[in-house]
């Protein structure tokens, strides 16, 4: 654990790092997708710095517990704001303090609470077909999805799914899938995770020529150019032409 120092000592850099982890958590739950909240809590507990005193352990628990509970309430409100502002009686369970504030035990309690919240939330709320489909595309990006197959996978008609994509994301399912592939390919190329041809085949293009065609269509540059962009240029590309669409306010399924 590493809490052998003064029990009431609180390091300024610990508080600063804790605040950073909480801020990143808030940014993570803005992604309105199935399972995103649970993943955000997992990330929050893994990124939280290790406490070196009892006081820091208590601060970490109280700070993170408040952040997670408030985040769950915000997640619920955002869902209805984006996908239909209907009356809803759903509410999450209260957070109980753990028997000990030791990191492993306390953070396990946070994750268990989040798992329960997600399970109850998913049981009482229905995601628009496009949001469910987008999560499926992200999980199986290399597959050659046809609209009929994707619609069947999420339990909707092809017409309903396309209508949902246009209303929620502003693009068709095919456009979303294509952009997702280019987005992931750019990330892999930048990280030098393999040859461009190998990345193309791994992500699902039938031939290396397809990745060049897709890149030029979406970005106007070649895949190889990604390796020579400055950090600022690459960031601008990922937040601009290669930014994945997010649900639009007051979107309906």
Protein backbone atom coordinates (compact mmCIF):
# COMPACT_ATOMS: atom_id res chain seq x y z
CA UNK A 1 0.00 0.00 0.00
CA UNK A 2 2.73 2.47 0.84
CA UNK A 3 0.93 4.28 3.72
CA UNK A 4 3.76 3.96 6.22
CA UNK A 5 4.36 7.74 6.41
CA UNK A 6 2.63 10.26 8.67
CA UNK A 7 -1.07 9.22 8.75
CA UNK A 8 -2.36 12.79 8.35
CA UNK A 9 0.06 13.95 5.67
CA UNK A 10 -1.52 15.06 2.37
CA UNK A 11 0.84 15.87 -0.49
CA UNK A 12 -0.15 18.79 -2.77
CA UNK A 13 0.91 16.83 -5.87
CA UNK A 14 -1.34 13.94 -4.79
CA UNK A 15 -4.36 16.23 -4.62
CA UNK A 16 -3.44 17.69 -8.02
CA UNK A 17 -3.12 14.24 -9.63
CA UNK A 18 -6.40 13.16 -8.05
CA UNK A 19 -8.15 16.20 -9.52
CA UNK A 20 -6.73 15.33 -12.95
CA UNK A 21 -8.10 11.79 -12.79
CA UNK A 22 -11.53 13.14 -11.84
CA UNK A 23 -11.51 15.60 -14.74
CA UNK A 24 -10.66 12.85 -17.22
CA UNK A 25 -13.50 10.77 -15.78
CA UNK A 26 -15.99 13.55 -16.46
CA UNK A 27 -14.76 13.73 -20.05
CA UNK A 28 -15.10 9.95 -20.43
CA UNK A 29 -18.74 9.76 -19.38
CA UNK A 30 -19.70 12.34 -21.99
CA UNK A 31 -19.54 9.40 -24.42
CA UNK A 32 -23.12 8.21 -24.49
CA UNK A 33 -22.61 4.57 -25.37
CA UNK A 34 -23.54 1.28 -23.70
CA UNK A 35 -20.90 0.36 -21.15
CA UNK A 36 -19.07 3.69 -21.35
CA UNK A 37 -19.87 4.64 -17.75
CA UNK A 38 -18.53 1.38 -16.34
CA UNK A 39 -15.36 1.70 -18.43
CA UNK A 40 -14.90 5.27 -17.21
CA UNK A 41 -15.06 4.13 -13.56
CA UNK A 42 -12.54 1.38 -14.27
CA UNK A 43 -10.20 3.97 -15.79
CA UNK A 44 -10.75 6.39 -12.90
CA UNK A 45 -9.74 3.85 -10.27
CA UNK A 46 -6.72 2.69 -12.26
CA UNK A 47 -5.47 6.24 -12.93
CA UNK A 48 -5.90 7.49 -9.36
CA UNK A 49 -2.47 7.94 -7.74
CA UNK A 50 -1.43 5.65 -4.90
CA UNK A 51 -2.02 7.11 -1.45
CA UNK A 52 0.91 7.31 0.96
CA UNK A 53 -1.03 8.12 4.13
CA UNK A 54 -4.33 7.31 5.77
CA UNK A 55 -5.50 10.86 5.13
CA UNK A 56 -4.83 10.48 1.39
CA UNK A 57 -6.76 7.19 1.36
CA UNK A 58 -9.77 8.88 2.95
CA UNK A 59 -9.54 11.85 0.57
CA UNK A 60 -9.33 9.50 -2.42
CA UNK A 61 -12.42 7.54 -1.35
CA UNK A 62 -14.59 10.56 -0.52
CA UNK A 63 -13.50 12.43 -3.63
CA UNK A 64 -13.97 9.52 -6.02
CA UNK A 65 -17.24 8.36 -4.45
CA UNK A 66 -18.69 11.85 -4.87
CA UNK A 67 -17.41 12.05 -8.45
CA UNK A 68 -18.86 8.66 -9.43
CA UNK A 69 -22.27 9.29 -7.86
CA UNK A 70 -22.53 12.76 -9.43
CA UNK A 71 -21.29 11.30 -12.69
CA UNK A 72 -24.02 8.66 -12.65
CA UNK A 73 -26.68 11.33 -12.12
CA UNK A 74 -25.23 13.42 -14.97
CA UNK A 75 -25.03 10.34 -17.21
CA UNK A 76 -28.73 9.67 -16.60
CA UNK A 77 -29.70 13.30 -17.30
CA UNK A 78 -27.61 13.41 -20.49
CA UNK A 79 -29.24 10.23 -21.74
CA UNK A 80 -32.69 11.79 -21.57
CA UNK A 81 -31.48 15.12 -22.90
CA UNK A 82 -30.01 13.52 -26.00
CA UNK A 83 -32.42 10.67 -26.57
CA UNK A 84 -35.73 12.03 -25.34
CA UNK A 85 -36.56 14.19 -22.32
CA UNK A 86 -39.21 11.87 -20.85
CA UNK A 87 -40.24 11.50 -17.24
CA UNK A 88 -38.19 8.80 -15.55
CA UNK A 89 -38.33 7.49 -11.99
CA UNK A 90 -34.98 5.68 -12.22
CA UNK A 91 -32.51 6.47 -9.46
CA UNK A 92 -29.26 4.87 -8.42
CA UNK A 93 -28.59 3.29 -5.05
CA UNK A 94 -26.77 5.30 -2.42
CA UNK A 95 -23.04 4.76 -2.05
CA UNK A 96 -22.08 3.05 1.19
CA UNK A 97 -18.72 3.74 2.82
CA UNK A 98 -16.40 0.71 2.78
CA UNK A 99 -15.21 -1.06 5.91
CA UNK A 100 -11.69 0.16 5.15
CA UNK A 101 -10.34 2.94 2.94
CA UNK A 102 -7.41 0.79 1.77
CA UNK A 103 -7.05 1.26 -1.99
CA UNK A 104 -7.89 -2.24 -3.22
CA UNK A 105 -10.94 -2.65 -1.01
CA UNK A 106 -12.29 0.89 -1.44
CA UNK A 107 -11.83 0.98 -5.22
CA UNK A 108 -13.36 -2.47 -5.57
CA UNK A 109 -16.44 -1.06 -3.81
CA UNK A 110 -16.57 1.81 -6.30
CA UNK A 111 -16.38 -0.55 -9.27
CA UNK A 112 -19.05 -2.85 -7.81
CA UNK A 113 -21.36 0.13 -7.29
CA UNK A 114 -20.77 1.23 -10.87
CA UNK A 115 -21.49 -2.28 -12.18
CA UNK A 116 -24.79 -2.33 -10.29
CA UNK A 117 -25.69 1.13 -11.57
CA UNK A 118 -24.95 0.17 -15.20
CA UNK A 119 -26.93 -3.07 -14.90
CA UNK A 120 -29.98 -1.27 -13.47
CA UNK A 121 -29.67 1.59 -15.95
CA UNK A 122 -29.43 -0.73 -18.96
CA UNK A 123 -32.42 -2.69 -17.66
CA UNK A 124 -34.66 0.40 -17.60
CA UNK A 125 -33.42 2.38 -20.61
CA UNK A 126 -33.29 1.57 -24.30
CA UNK A 127 -30.48 2.95 -26.43
CA UNK A 128 -31.34 4.17 -29.93
CA UNK A 129 -30.54 1.51 -32.57
CA UNK A 130 -27.74 3.65 -34.00
CA UNK A 131 -25.95 3.93 -30.64
CA UNK A 132 -26.09 0.17 -30.12
CA UNK A 133 -24.91 -0.33 -33.71
CA UNK A 134 -22.05 2.17 -33.28
CA UNK A 135 -20.80 0.21 -30.26
CA UNK A 136 -21.02 -2.99 -32.30
CA UNK A 137 -19.04 -1.42 -35.15
CA UNK A 138 -16.36 -0.28 -32.72
CA UNK A 139 -16.08 -3.76 -31.22
CA UNK A 140 -15.95 -5.49 -34.64
CA UNK A 141 -14.53 -2.81 -36.91
CA UNK A 142 -12.76 -5.26 -39.23
CA UNK A 143 -15.95 -7.05 -40.23
CA UNK A 144 -17.60 -6.15 -43.55
CA UNK A 145 -20.94 -4.99 -42.20
CA UNK A 146 -23.87 -4.67 -44.58
CA UNK A 147 -26.74 -2.51 -43.41
CA UNK A 148 -29.19 -5.44 -43.32
CA UNK A 149 -26.84 -7.52 -41.17
CA UNK A 150 -26.14 -4.62 -38.82
CA UNK A 151 -29.84 -3.88 -38.49
CA UNK A 152 -30.63 -7.49 -37.64
CA UNK A 153 -27.84 -7.51 -35.04
CA UNK A 154 -29.44 -4.61 -33.14
CA UNK A 155 -33.04 -5.71 -33.66
CA UNK A 156 -34.16 -2.97 -36.03
CA UNK A 157 -35.16 -2.62 -39.65
CA UNK A 158 -32.62 -1.23 -42.10
CA UNK A 159 -34.76 1.88 -42.60
CA UNK A 160 -35.07 2.49 -38.85
CA UNK A 161 -31.34 2.05 -38.31
CA UNK A 162 -30.34 4.45 -41.10
CA UNK A 163 -32.89 6.99 -39.88
CA UNK A 164 -31.50 6.65 -36.36
CA UNK A 165 -27.90 7.15 -37.54
CA UNK A 166 -28.82 10.30 -39.44
CA UNK A 167 -30.74 11.77 -36.51
CA UNK A 168 -28.31 10.81 -33.76
CA UNK A 169 -24.93 11.10 -35.52
CA UNK A 170 -25.68 13.07 -38.68
CA UNK A 171 -24.13 10.38 -40.92
CA UNK A 172 -25.18 7.03 -42.37
CA UNK A 173 -24.08 3.75 -40.81
CA UNK A 174 -21.69 3.17 -43.72
CA UNK A 175 -20.14 6.61 -43.32
CA UNK A 176 -19.68 6.03 -39.59
CA UNK A 177 -18.00 2.67 -40.19
CA UNK A 178 -15.67 4.09 -42.84
CA UNK A 179 -14.67 7.04 -40.65
CA UNK A 180 -14.12 4.70 -37.70
CA UNK A 181 -11.73 2.59 -39.76
CA UNK A 182 -9.73 5.62 -40.93
CA UNK A 183 -9.67 7.00 -37.37
CA UNK A 184 -8.27 3.75 -35.97
CA UNK A 185 -5.84 3.35 -38.86
CA UNK A 186 -4.45 6.85 -38.34
CA UNK A 187 -3.91 6.10 -34.65
CA UNK A 188 -2.13 2.83 -35.46
CA UNK A 189 0.03 4.41 -38.17
CA UNK A 190 1.01 7.25 -35.88
CA UNK A 191 2.02 4.74 -33.20
CA UNK A 192 3.96 2.75 -35.84
CA UNK A 193 1.99 -0.34 -34.82
CA UNK A 194 2.87 -2.07 -38.09
CA UNK A 195 3.20 -1.49 -41.81
CA UNK A 196 0.46 0.50 -43.52
CA UNK A 197 -0.50 -2.51 -45.63
CA UNK A 198 -0.67 -4.72 -42.54
CA UNK A 199 -2.78 -2.18 -40.65
CA UNK A 200 -5.14 -1.92 -43.61
CA UNK A 201 -5.76 -5.66 -43.69
CA UNK A 202 -6.06 -5.91 -39.90
CA UNK A 203 -8.71 -3.18 -39.75
CA UNK A 204 -10.72 -4.82 -42.49
CA UNK A 205 -9.91 -3.30 -45.87
CA UNK A 206 -9.81 -5.93 -48.58
CA UNK A 207 -6.60 -4.60 -50.12
CA UNK A 208 -3.96 -1.99 -49.23
CA UNK A 209 -5.28 0.20 -52.07
CA UNK A 210 -8.52 0.68 -50.14
CA UNK A 211 -6.82 2.39 -47.21
CA UNK A 212 -5.22 4.96 -49.52
CA UNK A 213 -8.55 5.65 -51.20
CA UNK A 214 -10.34 6.01 -47.85
CA UNK A 215 -7.66 8.31 -46.41
CA UNK A 216 -7.69 10.65 -49.39
CA UNK A 217 -11.49 10.80 -49.37
CA UNK A 218 -11.71 11.68 -45.66
CA UNK A 219 -8.48 13.61 -45.01
CA UNK A 220 -7.05 14.62 -48.39
CA UNK A 221 -3.67 13.12 -47.43
CA UNK A 222 -2.03 9.72 -47.75
CA UNK A 223 -1.71 7.30 -44.83
CA UNK A 224 2.08 7.69 -44.85
CA UNK A 225 1.71 11.44 -44.33
CA UNK A 226 0.34 10.80 -40.84
CA UNK A 227 3.79 9.76 -39.65
CA UNK A 228 5.28 13.14 -40.61
CA UNK A 229 2.67 15.44 -39.07
CA UNK A 230 3.64 17.47 -36.03
CA UNK A 231 1.86 16.61 -32.79
CA UNK A 232 -0.29 19.71 -33.20
CA UNK A 233 -1.19 18.81 -36.78
CA UNK A 234 -2.06 15.24 -35.84
CA UNK A 235 -4.19 16.41 -32.92
CA UNK A 236 -6.00 18.82 -35.24
CA UNK A 237 -6.63 16.01 -37.72
CA UNK A 238 -8.02 13.66 -35.07
CA UNK A 239 -10.25 16.35 -33.60
CA UNK A 240 -11.30 17.60 -37.03
CA UNK A 241 -11.70 15.44 -40.12
CA UNK A 242 -11.19 12.18 -38.19
CA UNK A 243 -13.30 13.00 -35.13
CA UNK A 244 -15.97 10.35 -34.64
CA UNK A 245 -19.52 11.77 -34.58
CA UNK A 246 -21.14 11.98 -31.16
CA UNK A 247 -24.86 12.00 -30.38
CA UNK A 248 -26.50 15.35 -31.06
CA UNK A 249 -28.63 17.08 -28.43
CA UNK A 250 -32.31 16.11 -28.39
CA UNK A 251 -31.65 13.33 -30.93
CA UNK A 252 -34.47 10.80 -31.30
CA UNK A 253 -34.14 7.19 -32.36
